[in-house]
Amino acid sequence: MISMDRREWLGAAAAFSVVGAVGATDASAATATDAGLMYRKMHFRSDDGLVFWWLQGVKYGQVGTTLTPLYTASIGTLQRVKHVVDGGFEVTQLEMNVILDLQTGRALDAWRNPYTNEVLPVRMSPVGPTVTRYGADNVRVLPKEIGSTPLEATATLHPPLIVGDDVFQRDESVARVFTPGRDKPFEVNDIAVYHGSLANLSDPRVKVGEATVFFAEVTGWQRWMNMGDRPGGLTSRMVGRKVRRYEDLPADWRANLARAAPHVAADPIAALDAAAAKFDR
């Protein structure tokens, strides 16, 4: 279920209509100031093609209000955008997380759980590839499963906040994933705040807007951590950027991916057409 105030969203579109401020005067430029088009440029792209995001930050264990740093999550996401005849679009996405040592930044083969002192193997656990459909109004059609695992999800797309040349877009979502073998569903509550430039996003020549993101997430314990019924869960605080080419993703992440998943690193675009990895959180 998507929650979005359409009047606020359309009002935001009017706020974007500052054509003179960015030096545009023709009708195509006016179209480019539409908030819906801005959304596509900031998050993805306004035409068909590929985009890539990197995201990095610390994963914490949270028990009560106490945070314990666990490791650094280094994520690369591959996305292929395809527009469809009804005005909407589809995004095929593959997300790969490399777990790094907090002090050295090196990729980990094994991780010591500070709560249990158990040393556990670290494995690459991709999410996807998945195909997500967006309507002509950019409202996401929420999936009923991920990696063949049933889920329930809600999402909230907030109207953009514009301050001078800064454009901030806040997205929030909640999901409950019913992983086989778990007594309770794996729950995810996340927020992403995207940031872009009004001048860049309003430019009708720009198809792939420049954008950065701050991401925070609260989840249950992941099953591989062997936390059982211990109270608490996980939280993340991460930052990232969108880039146009796989080669523009951080060199360290690409090198780590080549070690952890050489078949994907050898042809990452082909990996978007592979079968979805099993979701095992």
C-alpha atoms as a PDB file:
ATOM      1  CA  MET A   1       0.000   0.000   0.000  1.00  0.00           C
ATOM      2  CA  ILE A   2       1.395   3.432  -0.963  1.00  0.00           C
ATOM      3  CA  SER A   3       0.566   6.445   1.188  1.00  0.00           C
ATOM      4  CA  MET A   4       0.962   9.774  -0.582  1.00  0.00           C
ATOM      5  CA  ASP A   5      -0.989  13.018  -0.454  1.00  0.00           C
ATOM      6  CA  ARG A   6      -1.627  13.761  -4.133  1.00  0.00           C
ATOM      7  CA  ARG A   7      -2.546  17.415  -3.459  1.00  0.00           C
ATOM      8  CA  GLU A   8       0.775  17.947  -1.695  1.00  0.00           C
ATOM      9  CA  TRP A   9       2.612  16.170  -4.509  1.00  0.00           C
ATOM     10  CA  LEU A  10       0.935  18.279  -7.191  1.00  0.00           C
ATOM     11  CA  GLY A  11       1.609  21.345  -5.103  1.00  0.00           C
ATOM     12  CA  ALA A  12       5.258  20.393  -5.105  1.00  0.00           C
ATOM     13  CA  ALA A  13       5.122  20.236  -8.887  1.00  0.00           C
ATOM     14  CA  ALA A  14       4.075  23.867  -8.898  1.00  0.00           C
ATOM     15  CA  ALA A  15       6.998  24.677  -6.631  1.00  0.00           C
ATOM     16  CA  PHE A  16       9.294  23.137  -9.223  1.00  0.00           C
ATOM     17  CA  SER A  17       7.977  25.505 -11.883  1.00  0.00           C
ATOM     18  CA  VAL A  18      10.795  28.004 -11.507  1.00  0.00           C
ATOM     19  CA  VAL A  19      11.806  27.905 -15.139  1.00  0.00           C
ATOM     20  CA  GLY A  20      13.172  31.419 -15.181  1.00  0.00           C
ATOM     21  CA  ALA A  21      15.420  30.679 -12.207  1.00  0.00           C
ATOM     22  CA  VAL A  22      17.347  28.115 -14.214  1.00  0.00           C
ATOM     23  CA  GLY A  23      17.305  30.040 -17.486  1.00  0.00           C
ATOM     24  CA  ALA A  24      14.849  27.834 -19.366  1.00  0.00           C
ATOM     25  CA  THR A  25      12.192  29.443 -21.563  1.00  0.00           C
ATOM     26  CA  ASP A  26      10.676  26.899 -23.951  1.00  0.00           C
ATOM     27  CA  ALA A  27       7.809  24.441 -23.506  1.00  0.00           C
ATOM     28  CA  SER A  28      10.076  21.408 -23.199  1.00  0.00           C
ATOM     29  CA  ALA A  29      11.852  23.059 -20.282  1.00  0.00           C
ATOM     30  CA  ALA A  30       8.519  23.682 -18.583  1.00  0.00           C
ATOM     31  CA  THR A  31       7.729  19.986 -18.908  1.00  0.00           C
ATOM     32  CA  ALA A  32      11.108  19.189 -17.357  1.00  0.00           C
ATOM     33  CA  THR A  33      10.096  21.041 -14.202  1.00  0.00           C
ATOM     34  CA  ASP A  34       7.315  18.549 -13.462  1.00  0.00           C
ATOM     35  CA  ALA A  35       7.842  17.011 -10.019  1.00  0.00           C
ATOM     36  CA  GLY A  36       7.180  13.504 -11.335  1.00  0.00           C
ATOM     37  CA  LEU A  37       9.940  13.854 -13.897  1.00  0.00           C
ATOM     38  CA  MET A  38      12.209  15.246 -11.197  1.00  0.00           C
ATOM     39  CA  TYR A  39      11.540  12.133  -9.130  1.00  0.00           C
ATOM     40  CA  ARG A  40      12.615   9.857 -11.968  1.00  0.00           C
ATOM     41  CA  LYS A  41      15.737  11.883 -12.663  1.00  0.00           C
ATOM     42  CA  MET A  42      16.774  11.910  -9.020  1.00  0.00           C
ATOM     43  CA  HIS A  43      16.067   8.285  -8.153  1.00  0.00           C
ATOM     44  CA  PHE A  44      16.729   6.651 -11.509  1.00  0.00           C
ATOM     45  CA  ARG A  45      16.704   8.281 -14.955  1.00  0.00           C
ATOM     46  CA  SER A  46      14.009   9.750 -17.213  1.00  0.00           C
ATOM     47  CA  ASP A  47      14.820   7.510 -20.194  1.00  0.00           C
ATOM     48  CA  ASP A  48      15.669   3.833 -20.639  1.00  0.00           C
ATOM     49  CA  GLY A  49      19.061   2.597 -19.528  1.00  0.00           C
ATOM     50  CA  LEU A  50      21.290   1.713 -16.585  1.00  0.00           C
ATOM     51  CA  VAL A  51      22.124   3.496 -13.347  1.00  0.00           C
ATOM     52  CA  PHE A  52      24.195   2.421 -10.358  1.00  0.00           C
ATOM     53  CA  TRP A  53      24.160   3.354  -6.675  1.00  0.00           C
ATOM     54  CA  TRP A  54      26.783   2.850  -4.009  1.00  0.00           C
ATOM     55  CA  LEU A  55      25.956   3.001  -0.318  1.00  0.00           C
ATOM     56  CA  GLN A  56      28.268   2.630   2.669  1.00  0.00           C
ATOM     57  CA  GLY A  57      28.030   2.955   6.444  1.00  0.00           C
ATOM     58  CA  VAL A  58      28.107   1.201   9.770  1.00  0.00           C
ATOM     59  CA  LYS A  59      25.723  -1.575  10.780  1.00  0.00           C
ATOM     60  CA  TYR A  60      24.952  -1.464  14.509  1.00  0.00           C
ATOM     61  CA  GLY A  61      23.384  -3.855  16.930  1.00  0.00           C
ATOM     62  CA  GLN A  62      20.735  -2.094  19.008  1.00  0.00           C
ATOM     63  CA  VAL A  63      19.564  -3.325  22.389  1.00  0.00           C
ATOM     64  CA  GLY A  64      17.387  -0.751  24.098  1.00  0.00           C
ATOM     65  CA  THR A  65      19.055   2.574  23.311  1.00  0.00           C
ATOM     66  CA  THR A  66      22.602   1.146  23.240  1.00  0.00           C
ATOM     67  CA  LEU A  67      24.262   0.883  19.808  1.00  0.00           C
ATOM     68  CA  THR A  68      27.156  -1.527  19.224  1.00  0.00           C
ATOM     69  CA  PRO A  69      29.110  -1.138  15.947  1.00  0.00           C
ATOM     70  CA  LEU A  70      29.237  -4.506  14.185  1.00  0.00           C
ATOM     71  CA  TYR A  71      30.762  -3.957  10.741  1.00  0.00           C
ATOM     72  CA  THR A  72      30.745  -1.627   7.761  1.00  0.00           C
ATOM     73  CA  ALA A  73      28.244  -2.448   5.037  1.00  0.00           C
ATOM     74  CA  SER A  74      29.482  -1.594   1.530  1.00  0.00           C
ATOM     75  CA  ILE A  75      26.684  -1.937  -1.011  1.00  0.00           C
ATOM     76  CA  GLY A  76      26.516  -1.630  -4.766  1.00  0.00           C
ATOM     77  CA  THR A  77      23.187  -1.637  -6.590  1.00  0.00           C
ATOM     78  CA  LEU A  78      22.679  -2.185 -10.316  1.00  0.00           C
ATOM     79  CA  GLN A  79      19.458  -0.860 -11.861  1.00  0.00           C
ATOM     80  CA  ARG A  80      18.018  -1.129 -15.361  1.00  0.00           C
ATOM     81  CA  VAL A  81      15.167   1.250 -16.181  1.00  0.00           C
ATOM     82  CA  LYS A  82      12.631   0.503 -18.895  1.00  0.00           C
ATOM     83  CA  HIS A  83       9.649   2.756 -19.614  1.00  0.00           C
ATOM     84  CA  VAL A  84       6.345   1.196 -20.639  1.00  0.00           C
ATOM     85  CA  VAL A  85       3.483   2.341 -22.847  1.00  0.00           C
ATOM     86  CA  ASP A  86       1.146   3.429 -20.039  1.00  0.00           C
ATOM     87  CA  GLY A  87       3.637   6.095 -18.934  1.00  0.00           C
ATOM     88  CA  GLY A  88       5.071   4.087 -16.058  1.00  0.00           C
ATOM     89  CA  PHE A  89       8.370   2.267 -15.892  1.00  0.00           C
ATOM     90  CA  GLU A  90      10.023  -0.891 -14.593  1.00  0.00           C
ATOM     91  CA  VAL A  91      13.253  -1.168 -12.596  1.00  0.00           C
ATOM     92  CA  THR A  92      15.262  -4.384 -12.555  1.00  0.00           C
ATOM     93  CA  GLN A  93      17.554  -4.213  -9.526  1.00  0.00           C
ATOM     94  CA  LEU A  94      20.372  -6.283  -8.031  1.00  0.00           C
ATOM     95  CA  GLU A  95      21.867  -5.297  -4.658  1.00  0.00           C
ATOM     96  CA  MET A  96      25.155  -6.757  -3.375  1.00  0.00           C
ATOM     97  CA  ASN A  97      26.569  -6.109   0.097  1.00  0.00           C
ATOM     98  CA  VAL A  98      30.224  -6.612   1.019  1.00  0.00           C
ATOM     99  CA  ILE A  99      30.880  -6.694   4.775  1.00  0.00           C
ATOM    100  CA  LEU A 100      34.003  -4.801   5.856  1.00  0.00           C
ATOM    101  CA  ASP A 101      36.085  -4.697   9.023  1.00  0.00           C
ATOM    102  CA  LEU A 102      35.326  -1.568  11.053  1.00  0.00           C
ATOM    103  CA  GLN A 103      38.978  -0.666  11.625  1.00  0.00           C
ATOM    104  CA  THR A 104      40.812  -1.801   8.488  1.00  0.00           C
ATOM    105  CA  GLY A 105      38.053  -1.536   5.869  1.00  0.00           C
ATOM    106  CA  ARG A 106      39.014  -4.960   4.509  1.00  0.00           C
ATOM    107  CA  ALA A 107      36.390  -7.413   3.304  1.00  0.00           C
ATOM    108  CA  LEU A 108      35.629 -10.050   5.939  1.00  0.00           C
ATOM    109  CA  ASP A 109      35.533 -13.813   5.412  1.00  0.00           C
ATOM    110  CA  ALA A 110      34.583 -14.315   9.053  1.00  0.00           C
ATOM    111  CA  TRP A 111      32.955 -12.045  11.640  1.00  0.00           C
ATOM    112  CA  ARG A 112      33.013 -12.188  15.431  1.00  0.00           C
ATOM    113  CA  ASN A 113      29.615 -11.570  16.988  1.00  0.00           C
ATOM    114  CA  PRO A 114      30.293  -9.238  19.948  1.00  0.00           C
ATOM    115  CA  TYR A 115      27.146 -10.395  21.740  1.00  0.00           C
ATOM    116  CA  THR A 116      27.916 -14.126  21.637  1.00  0.00           C
ATOM    117  CA  ASN A 117      31.688 -14.111  20.862  1.00  0.00           C
ATOM    118  CA  GLU A 118      30.935 -16.647  18.121  1.00  0.00           C
ATOM    119  CA  VAL A 119      33.005 -16.455  14.914  1.00  0.00           C
ATOM    120  CA  LEU A 120      30.726 -16.836  11.900  1.00  0.00           C
ATOM    121  CA  PRO A 121      31.438 -17.193   8.172  1.00  0.00           C
ATOM    122  CA  VAL A 122      30.543 -14.219   5.974  1.00  0.00           C
ATOM    123  CA  ARG A 123      28.941 -14.990   2.620  1.00  0.00           C
ATOM    124  CA  MET A 124      27.811 -12.795  -0.231  1.00  0.00           C
ATOM    125  CA  SER A 125      24.007 -12.658  -0.001  1.00  0.00           C
ATOM    126  CA  PRO A 126      22.593 -10.656  -2.947  1.00  0.00           C
ATOM    127  CA  VAL A 127      19.092  -9.213  -2.976  1.00  0.00           C
ATOM    128  CA  GLY A 128      17.561  -9.754  -6.395  1.00  0.00           C
ATOM    129  CA  PRO A 129      17.508  -9.327  -9.220  1.00  0.00           C
ATOM    130  CA  THR A 130      13.955  -8.122  -8.747  1.00  0.00           C
ATOM    131  CA  VAL A 131      11.642  -6.232 -11.093  1.00  0.00           C
ATOM    132  CA  THR A 132       9.608  -3.388  -9.594  1.00  0.00           C
ATOM    133  CA  ARG A 133       6.838  -1.655 -11.498  1.00  0.00           C
ATOM    134  CA  TYR A 134       6.034   2.057 -11.124  1.00  0.00           C
ATOM    135  CA  GLY A 135       2.867   3.691 -12.451  1.00  0.00           C
ATOM    136  CA  ALA A 136       2.750   6.830 -14.565  1.00  0.00           C
ATOM    137  CA  ASP A 137       2.433   8.786 -11.299  1.00  0.00           C
ATOM    138  CA  ASN A 138       5.643   7.126  -9.949  1.00  0.00           C
ATOM    139  CA  VAL A 139       3.655   5.126  -7.401  1.00  0.00           C
ATOM    140  CA  ARG A 140       5.428   1.828  -6.818  1.00  0.00           C
ATOM    141  CA  VAL A 141       3.520  -1.431  -7.177  1.00  0.00           C
ATOM    142  CA  LEU A 142       4.700  -3.194  -4.062  1.00  0.00           C
ATOM    143  CA  PRO A 143       5.770  -6.827  -4.509  1.00  0.00           C
ATOM    144  CA  LYS A 144       4.187  -9.755  -2.709  1.00  0.00           C
ATOM    145  CA  GLU A 145       7.458 -11.656  -2.428  1.00  0.00           C
ATOM    146  CA  ILE A 146      11.227 -11.208  -2.536  1.00  0.00           C
ATOM    147  CA  GLY A 147      13.515 -14.031  -3.639  1.00  0.00           C
ATOM    148  CA  SER A 148      10.510 -16.426  -3.562  1.00  0.00           C
ATOM    149  CA  THR A 149       9.817 -15.388   0.069  1.00  0.00           C
ATOM    150  CA  PRO A 150       6.391 -13.844   0.876  1.00  0.00           C
ATOM    151  CA  LEU A 151       6.299 -10.289   2.196  1.00  0.00           C
ATOM    152  CA  GLU A 152       3.924  -7.546   3.255  1.00  0.00           C
ATOM    153  CA  ALA A 153       5.015  -3.970   2.646  1.00  0.00           C
ATOM    154  CA  THR A 154       3.903  -0.353   2.797  1.00  0.00           C
ATOM    155  CA  ALA A 155       5.675   2.699   1.405  1.00  0.00           C
ATOM    156  CA  THR A 156       5.329   6.458   1.804  1.00  0.00           C
ATOM    157  CA  LEU A 157       6.581   8.921  -0.789  1.00  0.00           C
ATOM    158  CA  HIS A 158       6.782  12.413   0.689  1.00  0.00           C
ATOM    159  CA  PRO A 159       6.569  15.606  -1.376  1.00  0.00           C
ATOM    160  CA  PRO A 160       9.985  17.140  -2.072  1.00  0.00           C
ATOM    161  CA  LEU A 161      11.458  19.890   0.070  1.00  0.00           C
ATOM    162  CA  ILE A 162      13.127  22.687  -1.921  1.00  0.00           C
ATOM    163  CA  VAL A 163      15.464  25.177  -0.245  1.00  0.00           C
ATOM    164  CA  GLY A 164      17.273  27.380  -2.757  1.00  0.00           C
ATOM    165  CA  ASP A 165      18.969  24.997  -5.181  1.00  0.00           C
ATOM    166  CA  ASP A 166      18.704  22.020  -2.807  1.00  0.00           C
ATOM    167  CA  VAL A 167      16.033  19.381  -3.446  1.00  0.00           C
ATOM    168  CA  PHE A 168      15.374  16.790  -0.737  1.00  0.00           C
ATOM    169  CA  GLN A 169      13.119  13.790  -1.322  1.00  0.00           C
ATOM    170  CA  ARG A 170      12.168  11.531   1.612  1.00  0.00           C
ATOM    171  CA  ASP A 171      10.988   7.957   1.064  1.00  0.00           C
ATOM    172  CA  GLU A 172       9.975   5.569   3.834  1.00  0.00           C
ATOM    173  CA  SER A 173       8.950   1.921   3.792  1.00  0.00           C
ATOM    174  CA  VAL A 174       8.052  -0.900   6.145  1.00  0.00           C
ATOM    175  CA  ALA A 175       8.180  -4.602   5.272  1.00  0.00           C
ATOM    176  CA  ARG A 176       7.554  -7.923   6.981  1.00  0.00           C
ATOM    177  CA  VAL A 177       9.269 -10.868   5.275  1.00  0.00           C
ATOM    178  CA  PHE A 178       7.962 -14.328   6.137  1.00  0.00           C
ATOM    179  CA  THR A 179      11.185 -16.312   5.841  1.00  0.00           C
ATOM    180  CA  PRO A 180      10.679 -20.076   6.190  1.00  0.00           C
ATOM    181  CA  GLY A 181      12.153 -21.382   9.425  1.00  0.00           C
ATOM    182  CA  ARG A 182      11.689 -18.148  11.383  1.00  0.00           C
ATOM    183  CA  ASP A 183       9.163 -18.064  14.223  1.00  0.00           C
ATOM    184  CA  LYS A 184       8.516 -14.386  13.540  1.00  0.00           C
ATOM    185  CA  PRO A 185       8.753 -12.431  10.267  1.00  0.00           C
ATOM    186  CA  PHE A 186      11.903 -10.455   9.509  1.00  0.00           C
ATOM    187  CA  GLU A 187      10.855  -6.818   9.843  1.00  0.00           C
ATOM    188  CA  VAL A 188      12.399  -3.850   8.039  1.00  0.00           C
ATOM    189  CA  ASN A 189      11.710  -0.155   8.647  1.00  0.00           C
ATOM    190  CA  ASP A 190      13.778   2.221   6.537  1.00  0.00           C
ATOM    191  CA  ILE A 191      14.074   5.827   5.434  1.00  0.00           C
ATOM    192  CA  ALA A 192      16.020   7.263   2.498  1.00  0.00           C
ATOM    193  CA  VAL A 193      16.582  10.996   1.991  1.00  0.00           C
ATOM    194  CA  TYR A 194      17.681  11.794  -1.564  1.00  0.00           C
ATOM    195  CA  HIS A 195      19.408  15.075  -2.389  1.00  0.00           C
ATOM    196  CA  GLY A 196      19.853  16.803  -5.725  1.00  0.00           C
ATOM    197  CA  SER A 197      20.270  20.190  -7.392  1.00  0.00           C
ATOM    198  CA  LEU A 198      17.186  22.048  -8.645  1.00  0.00           C
ATOM    199  CA  ALA A 199      19.169  23.502 -11.555  1.00  0.00           C
ATOM    200  CA  ASN A 200      20.422  20.046 -12.571  1.00  0.00           C
ATOM    201  CA  LEU A 201      17.062  18.298 -12.202  1.00  0.00           C
ATOM    202  CA  SER A 202      15.203  21.093 -14.036  1.00  0.00           C
ATOM    203  CA  ASP A 203      17.519  21.019 -17.039  1.00  0.00           C
ATOM    204  CA  PRO A 204      15.617  19.376 -19.944  1.00  0.00           C
ATOM    205  CA  ARG A 205      18.933  18.126 -21.339  1.00  0.00           C
ATOM    206  CA  VAL A 206      19.556  16.055 -18.201  1.00  0.00           C
ATOM    207  CA  LYS A 207      18.206  12.507 -18.251  1.00  0.00           C
ATOM    208  CA  VAL A 208      20.191  11.121 -15.306  1.00  0.00           C
ATOM    209  CA  GLY A 209      20.080  13.599 -12.448  1.00  0.00           C
ATOM    210  CA  GLU A 210      22.964  13.929 -10.028  1.00  0.00           C
ATOM    211  CA  ALA A 211      21.924  12.613  -6.631  1.00  0.00           C
ATOM    212  CA  THR A 212      23.169  11.511  -3.233  1.00  0.00           C
ATOM    213  CA  VAL A 213      21.309   9.693  -0.476  1.00  0.00           C
ATOM    214  CA  PHE A 214      21.278   9.259   3.300  1.00  0.00           C
ATOM    215  CA  PHE A 215      19.831   5.922   4.356  1.00  0.00           C
ATOM    216  CA  ALA A 216      18.829   4.616   7.785  1.00  0.00           C
ATOM    217  CA  GLU A 217      17.267   1.266   8.566  1.00  0.00           C
ATOM    218  CA  VAL A 218      15.929  -0.617  11.580  1.00  0.00           C
ATOM    219  CA  THR A 219      15.480  -4.406  11.263  1.00  0.00           C
ATOM    220  CA  GLY A 220      15.382  -7.589  13.271  1.00  0.00           C
ATOM    221  CA  TRP A 221      18.527  -9.650  13.745  1.00  0.00           C
ATOM    222  CA  GLN A 222      19.660 -11.382  10.568  1.00  0.00           C
ATOM    223  CA  ARG A 223      19.430 -15.132  10.838  1.00  0.00           C
ATOM    224  CA  TRP A 224      23.096 -15.803  10.005  1.00  0.00           C
ATOM    225  CA  MET A 225      24.120 -13.943  13.196  1.00  0.00           C
ATOM    226  CA  ASN A 226      22.691 -16.727  15.395  1.00  0.00           C
ATOM    227  CA  MET A 227      21.066 -14.300  17.833  1.00  0.00           C
ATOM    228  CA  GLY A 228      18.064 -16.519  18.507  1.00  0.00           C
ATOM    229  CA  ASP A 229      15.471 -14.846  20.726  1.00  0.00           C
ATOM    230  CA  ARG A 230      17.838 -12.220  22.157  1.00  0.00           C
ATOM    231  CA  PRO A 231      16.148  -8.828  22.458  1.00  0.00           C
ATOM    232  CA  GLY A 232      17.139  -6.056  20.084  1.00  0.00           C
ATOM    233  CA  GLY A 233      17.886  -5.785  16.392  1.00  0.00           C
ATOM    234  CA  LEU A 234      19.959  -3.949  13.813  1.00  0.00           C
ATOM    235  CA  THR A 235      20.186  -0.381  12.611  1.00  0.00           C
ATOM    236  CA  SER A 236      22.174   1.278   9.820  1.00  0.00           C
ATOM    237  CA  ARG A 237      23.360   4.801   9.049  1.00  0.00           C
ATOM    238  CA  MET A 238      24.671   5.081   5.505  1.00  0.00           C
ATOM    239  CA  VAL A 239      25.428   7.533   2.703  1.00  0.00           C
ATOM    240  CA  GLY A 240      25.750   7.018  -1.037  1.00  0.00           C
ATOM    241  CA  ARG A 241      25.678   8.399  -4.551  1.00  0.00           C
ATOM    242  CA  LYS A 242      24.208   7.526  -7.936  1.00  0.00           C
ATOM    243  CA  VAL A 243      26.636   7.027 -10.857  1.00  0.00           C
ATOM    244  CA  ARG A 244      26.143   6.368 -14.547  1.00  0.00           C
ATOM    245  CA  ARG A 245      28.568   3.477 -15.118  1.00  0.00           C
ATOM    246  CA  TYR A 246      29.580   0.313 -13.289  1.00  0.00           C
ATOM    247  CA  GLU A 247      33.168   1.565 -13.549  1.00  0.00           C
ATOM    248  CA  ASP A 248      32.169   4.645 -11.518  1.00  0.00           C
ATOM    249  CA  LEU A 249      31.251   2.555  -8.478  1.00  0.00           C
ATOM    250  CA  PRO A 250      34.001   2.687  -5.805  1.00  0.00           C
ATOM    251  CA  ALA A 251      37.108   0.764  -6.865  1.00  0.00           C
ATOM    252  CA  ASP A 252      37.361  -1.015  -3.503  1.00  0.00           C
ATOM    253  CA  TRP A 253      33.788  -2.275  -3.785  1.00  0.00           C
ATOM    254  CA  ARG A 254      34.376  -3.568  -7.318  1.00  0.00           C
ATOM    255  CA  ALA A 255      37.570  -5.338  -6.218  1.00  0.00           C
ATOM    256  CA  ASN A 256      35.778  -6.910  -3.248  1.00  0.00           C
ATOM    257  CA  LEU A 257      32.917  -8.041  -5.481  1.00  0.00           C
ATOM    258  CA  ALA A 258      35.398  -9.657  -7.871  1.00  0.00           C
ATOM    259  CA  ARG A 259      36.711 -11.748  -4.969  1.00  0.00           C
ATOM    260  CA  ALA A 260      33.335 -12.592  -3.464  1.00  0.00           C
ATOM    261  CA  ALA A 261      31.311 -13.102  -6.665  1.00  0.00           C
ATOM    262  CA  PRO A 262      33.676 -13.271  -9.657  1.00  0.00           C
ATOM    263  CA  HIS A 263      30.930 -14.455 -12.016  1.00  0.00           C
ATOM    264  CA  VAL A 264      28.920 -11.287 -11.301  1.00  0.00           C
ATOM    265  CA  ALA A 265      31.933  -8.961 -11.519  1.00  0.00           C
ATOM    266  CA  ALA A 266      32.884 -10.481 -14.881  1.00  0.00           C
ATOM    267  CA  ASP A 267      29.572  -9.401 -16.427  1.00  0.00           C
ATOM    268  CA  PRO A 268      27.489  -7.380 -13.941  1.00  0.00           C
ATOM    269  CA  ILE A 269      24.898  -6.329 -16.533  1.00  0.00           C
ATOM    270  CA  ALA A 270      24.161  -9.947 -17.422  1.00  0.00           C
ATOM    271  CA  ALA A 271      23.575 -10.598 -13.717  1.00  0.00           C
ATOM    272  CA  LEU A 272      20.412  -8.494 -13.982  1.00  0.00           C
ATOM    273  CA  ASP A 273      18.879 -11.306 -16.051  1.00  0.00           C
ATOM    274  CA  ALA A 274      19.864 -14.119 -13.665  1.00  0.00           C
ATOM    275  CA  ALA A 275      17.412 -15.924 -11.398  1.00  0.00           C
ATOM    276  CA  ALA A 276      16.680 -14.073  -8.163  1.00  0.00           C
ATOM    277  CA  ALA A 277      18.818 -15.099  -5.204  1.00  0.00           C
ATOM    278  CA  LYS A 278      17.018 -16.690  -2.268  1.00  0.00           C
ATOM    279  CA  PHE A 279      16.198 -14.144   0.423  1.00  0.00           C
ATOM    280  CA  ASP A 280      17.525 -15.552   3.684  1.00  0.00           C
ATOM    281  CA  ARG A 281      17.470 -12.951   6.429  1.00  0.00           C
END
